[in-house]
Amino acid sequence: IAYLPNNIAKHEFRQLGYTQQHYIDNLGAQCYIIWNKIEVVIAFRGTEPDKWNDIKADLRAWLVPSPCGRIHKGFDIELTKLWPEINNKLAFILRKKKLYITGHSLGGAVATLCASRMMHHPSAAVDFLCTFGSPRVGNRKQVNSITTTHHRYVNNNDVVTSVPPALLTYKHHGEMKYINHYGNVRDLTLWQRIKDQFRGRLAALKKKVPFDGVYDHDIKYYIRYTSDTTD
């Protein structure tokens, strides 16, 4: 829903039980804040291939200092664009409600950094962070400083989850929830994941799908494969 225009998204959010919503769009960075009497959700929009701002953010992949370590410059810039309005809005609506943060792709990375910033917020504690197809966001010191419970979904060969490369000292945060080739969330060993990823690539070649990693990144597959989970 975070990818939908504001006039359409508000109806979808109401169907989910969120009676109020606020859309933020600042210089190409976007998120929705939605809430009801019980909880608040911040949902960050991910990379849109036709938006130069999103591509530029992804490409700014050098690490810069943060209060807790080193983080991806492009993702930090995207969050900084949205932060003042997020901060101001939460001051009015949070009021002992539970706070959840989510996002897909670039939005997943920004969501993770948002949870990190919220740890230093005087009155906003993040109850749960859930991301889908998120790239790595920072170095080991940075991700180890984030104490928020985080379920990080990875769909088979999703290429975005493998960047920026670990060789540049980037690390992932959170508990990985791996979606296997058959669309099931499974707790697999490294060797089992390697075999499953090979199975996915082979199936893609048989279907004449040349870019399996891009195909697996599509949000529609994350929706399809995680909609029935109880995690």
Foldseek 3Di string as FASTA:
>chain_A
DQPDDPVVVQVVVVVVPFNDKDWDAFPHWIWMWTHDPAAIEIETEADDPVDVLRVVLQPQQAWDDDPQATWRPSLVVSLVRCVVVVLVVCVPPVVPHAYEYEYAESRLLNSQVVQLVQVPPPPHHHAEYEYELYDFIGAPRSQVSRPHAYEYEYEQQQPRNCPPDCVSRTDHHHDYQYQFLVLEGDDDDPVVSVVRSVVQCVVCVVVVNNCSNNVRRDVVSVCVSPVPDPD
